[in-house]
Amino acid sequence: MGNSFILRFLNEHKDENIYQKDIEKFFGLKKSTITSILNSLEDAGYIERKVGKDDGRLRRIVLTEKGFAMNEKVHNEFETLEENMFNLFSEDEYNNLIASLEKIRNYLEGKDD
């Protein structure tokens, strides 16, 4: 899993108190995996671990300005990539692709009709 997913998650929840356990639960990953990812993000200056307001033993995970900037950069790059990819398809091909992907998603979610 890429660090960009963690940055995006933190950006989307920037007005909430997010702790490591919240990230573990959301992504369904082990504590050791998230610890490693957070350590690399902290070393790069993208996040900070701040003492919890209600419990000094807990550390809130917050994006730094550098983290917000990197999240924005990655988001823009993904948008450009997506735009370029879908320009490869005709309108009919695009609609068929979307229908096929929705069918796969429904199957995986147990909504196979």
C-alpha atoms as a PDB file:
ATOM      1  CA  MET A   1       0.000   0.000   0.000  1.00  0.00           C
ATOM      2  CA  GLY A   2       1.352   3.399  -0.933  1.00  0.00           C
ATOM      3  CA  ASN A   3       1.953   6.217   1.500  1.00  0.00           C
ATOM      4  CA  SER A   4      -0.293   8.401  -0.647  1.00  0.00           C
ATOM      5  CA  PHE A   5      -3.358   6.497   0.600  1.00  0.00           C
ATOM      6  CA  ILE A   6      -2.468   7.412   4.191  1.00  0.00           C
ATOM      7  CA  LEU A   7      -1.909  11.050   3.212  1.00  0.00           C
ATOM      8  CA  ARG A   8      -5.272  11.122   1.467  1.00  0.00           C
ATOM      9  CA  PHE A   9      -7.006   9.535   4.476  1.00  0.00           C
ATOM     10  CA  LEU A  10      -5.448  12.096   6.825  1.00  0.00           C
ATOM     11  CA  ASN A  11      -6.411  14.954   4.506  1.00  0.00           C
ATOM     12  CA  GLU A  12     -10.012  13.744   4.300  1.00  0.00           C
ATOM     13  CA  HIS A  13     -10.168  13.544   8.115  1.00  0.00           C
ATOM     14  CA  LYS A  14      -8.132  16.662   8.892  1.00  0.00           C
ATOM     15  CA  ASP A  15     -10.826  18.063  11.181  1.00  0.00           C
ATOM     16  CA  GLU A  16     -10.919  14.907  13.315  1.00  0.00           C
ATOM     17  CA  ASN A  17      -8.582  13.442  15.902  1.00  0.00           C
ATOM     18  CA  ILE A  18      -6.983  10.532  14.046  1.00  0.00           C
ATOM     19  CA  TYR A  19      -4.891   7.974  15.879  1.00  0.00           C
ATOM     20  CA  GLN A  20      -2.854   5.070  14.560  1.00  0.00           C
ATOM     21  CA  LYS A  21      -5.583   2.605  15.535  1.00  0.00           C
ATOM     22  CA  ASP A  22      -8.042   4.512  13.303  1.00  0.00           C
ATOM     23  CA  ILE A  23      -5.725   4.089  10.324  1.00  0.00           C
ATOM     24  CA  GLU A  24      -5.179   0.395  11.129  1.00  0.00           C
ATOM     25  CA  LYS A  25      -8.921  -0.186  11.279  1.00  0.00           C
ATOM     26  CA  PHE A  26      -9.749   1.760   8.112  1.00  0.00           C
ATOM     27  CA  PHE A  27      -7.133   0.011   5.972  1.00  0.00           C
ATOM     28  CA  GLY A  28      -7.382  -3.369   7.710  1.00  0.00           C
ATOM     29  CA  LEU A  29      -3.646  -3.563   8.276  1.00  0.00           C
ATOM     30  CA  LYS A  30      -1.545  -4.741  11.201  1.00  0.00           C
ATOM     31  CA  LYS A  31      -0.131  -2.322  13.743  1.00  0.00           C
ATOM     32  CA  SER A  32       3.441  -3.104  12.661  1.00  0.00           C
ATOM     33  CA  THR A  33       2.644  -2.301   9.023  1.00  0.00           C
ATOM     34  CA  ILE A  34       1.031   1.046   9.854  1.00  0.00           C
ATOM     35  CA  THR A  35       3.829   1.883  12.301  1.00  0.00           C
ATOM     36  CA  SER A  36       6.371   1.383   9.523  1.00  0.00           C
ATOM     37  CA  ILE A  37       4.397   3.540   7.080  1.00  0.00           C
ATOM     38  CA  LEU A  38       3.866   6.299   9.653  1.00  0.00           C
ATOM     39  CA  ASN A  39       7.552   6.250  10.579  1.00  0.00           C
ATOM     40  CA  SER A  40       8.539   6.790   6.940  1.00  0.00           C
ATOM     41  CA  LEU A  41       5.971   9.584   6.545  1.00  0.00           C
ATOM     42  CA  GLU A  42       7.211  11.241   9.721  1.00  0.00           C
ATOM     43  CA  ASP A  43      10.860  10.908   8.654  1.00  0.00           C
ATOM     44  CA  ALA A  44       9.965  12.581   5.346  1.00  0.00           C
ATOM     45  CA  GLY A  45       8.244  15.437   7.199  1.00  0.00           C
ATOM     46  CA  TYR A  46       4.730  14.660   5.906  1.00  0.00           C
ATOM     47  CA  ILE A  47       3.120  13.934   9.281  1.00  0.00           C
ATOM     48  CA  GLU A  48       3.580  14.723  12.949  1.00  0.00           C
ATOM     49  CA  ARG A  49       2.569  12.680  15.960  1.00  0.00           C
ATOM     50  CA  LYS A  50       1.080  14.989  18.577  1.00  0.00           C
ATOM     51  CA  VAL A  51       0.089  14.178  22.139  1.00  0.00           C
ATOM     52  CA  GLY A  52      -3.603  13.333  22.411  1.00  0.00           C
ATOM     53  CA  LYS A  53      -5.771  16.006  23.991  1.00  0.00           C
ATOM     54  CA  ASP A  54      -7.678  13.616  26.255  1.00  0.00           C
ATOM     55  CA  ASP A  55      -5.066  10.899  26.757  1.00  0.00           C
ATOM     56  CA  GLY A  56      -1.380  11.770  26.863  1.00  0.00           C
ATOM     57  CA  ARG A  57      -0.460   8.171  26.028  1.00  0.00           C
ATOM     58  CA  LEU A  58      -2.015   8.460  22.580  1.00  0.00           C
ATOM     59  CA  ARG A  59      -0.499  10.292  19.625  1.00  0.00           C
ATOM     60  CA  ARG A  60      -2.700  12.075  17.112  1.00  0.00           C
ATOM     61  CA  ILE A  61      -1.520  11.760  13.528  1.00  0.00           C
ATOM     62  CA  VAL A  62      -1.661  15.075  11.657  1.00  0.00           C
ATOM     63  CA  LEU A  63      -0.494  16.230   8.249  1.00  0.00           C
ATOM     64  CA  THR A  64       2.184  18.897   8.102  1.00  0.00           C
ATOM     65  CA  GLU A  65       2.120  21.643   5.476  1.00  0.00           C
ATOM     66  CA  LYS A  66       4.545  19.490   3.498  1.00  0.00           C
ATOM     67  CA  GLY A  67       2.105  16.572   3.842  1.00  0.00           C
ATOM     68  CA  PHE A  68      -0.820  18.663   2.584  1.00  0.00           C
ATOM     69  CA  ALA A  69       1.285  19.818  -0.379  1.00  0.00           C
ATOM     70  CA  MET A  70       2.349  16.260  -1.243  1.00  0.00           C
ATOM     71  CA  ASN A  71      -1.237  15.028  -0.991  1.00  0.00           C
ATOM     72  CA  GLU A  72      -2.338  17.774  -3.393  1.00  0.00           C
ATOM     73  CA  LYS A  73       0.486  16.945  -5.807  1.00  0.00           C
ATOM     74  CA  VAL A  74      -0.343  13.228  -5.823  1.00  0.00           C
ATOM     75  CA  HIS A  75      -4.061  13.977  -6.210  1.00  0.00           C
ATOM     76  CA  ASN A  76      -3.376  16.179  -9.247  1.00  0.00           C
ATOM     77  CA  GLU A  77      -1.084  13.561 -10.790  1.00  0.00           C
ATOM     78  CA  PHE A  78      -3.754  10.866 -10.369  1.00  0.00           C
ATOM     79  CA  GLU A  79      -6.367  13.121 -11.971  1.00  0.00           C
ATOM     80  CA  THR A  80      -4.102  13.739 -14.957  1.00  0.00           C
ATOM     81  CA  LEU A  81      -3.327  10.033 -15.280  1.00  0.00           C
ATOM     82  CA  GLU A  82      -7.016   9.153 -15.089  1.00  0.00           C
ATOM     83  CA  GLU A  83      -7.877  11.756 -17.705  1.00  0.00           C
ATOM     84  CA  ASN A  84      -5.172  10.489 -20.053  1.00  0.00           C
ATOM     85  CA  MET A  85      -6.200   6.861 -19.564  1.00  0.00           C
ATOM     86  CA  PHE A  86      -9.845   7.486 -20.327  1.00  0.00           C
ATOM     87  CA  ASN A  87      -8.973   9.523 -23.409  1.00  0.00           C
ATOM     88  CA  LEU A  88      -7.774   6.209 -24.878  1.00  0.00           C
ATOM     89  CA  PHE A  89     -11.377   4.965 -25.036  1.00  0.00           C
ATOM     90  CA  SER A  90     -14.285   5.900 -27.239  1.00  0.00           C
ATOM     91  CA  GLU A  91     -17.473   6.853 -25.409  1.00  0.00           C
ATOM     92  CA  ASP A  92     -18.936   3.371 -25.989  1.00  0.00           C
ATOM     93  CA  GLU A  93     -15.754   1.659 -24.806  1.00  0.00           C
ATOM     94  CA  TYR A  94     -15.710   3.857 -21.721  1.00  0.00           C
ATOM     95  CA  ASN A  95     -19.360   3.069 -20.907  1.00  0.00           C
ATOM     96  CA  ASN A  96     -18.710  -0.665 -21.380  1.00  0.00           C
ATOM     97  CA  LEU A  97     -15.674  -0.460 -19.108  1.00  0.00           C
ATOM     98  CA  ILE A  98     -17.665   1.292 -16.376  1.00  0.00           C
ATOM     99  CA  ALA A  99     -20.480  -1.259 -16.672  1.00  0.00           C
ATOM    100  CA  SER A 100     -17.976  -4.118 -16.432  1.00  0.00           C
ATOM    101  CA  LEU A 101     -16.256  -2.606 -13.405  1.00  0.00           C
ATOM    102  CA  GLU A 102     -19.608  -2.068 -11.687  1.00  0.00           C
ATOM    103  CA  LYS A 103     -20.492  -5.695 -12.370  1.00  0.00           C
ATOM    104  CA  ILE A 104     -17.218  -6.827 -10.784  1.00  0.00           C
ATOM    105  CA  ARG A 105     -17.751  -4.531  -7.791  1.00  0.00           C
ATOM    106  CA  ASN A 106     -21.290  -5.836  -7.275  1.00  0.00           C
ATOM    107  CA  TYR A 107     -20.043  -9.410  -7.434  1.00  0.00           C
ATOM    108  CA  LEU A 108     -17.321  -8.704  -4.870  1.00  0.00           C
ATOM    109  CA  GLU A 109     -19.846  -6.983  -2.594  1.00  0.00           C
ATOM    110  CA  GLY A 110     -22.208  -9.946  -2.875  1.00  0.00           C
ATOM    111  CA  LYS A 111     -24.777  -8.085  -4.965  1.00  0.00           C
ATOM    112  CA  ASP A 112     -24.448 -10.347  -7.996  1.00  0.00           C
ATOM    113  CA  ASP A 113     -27.733 -10.164  -9.920  1.00  0.00           C
END
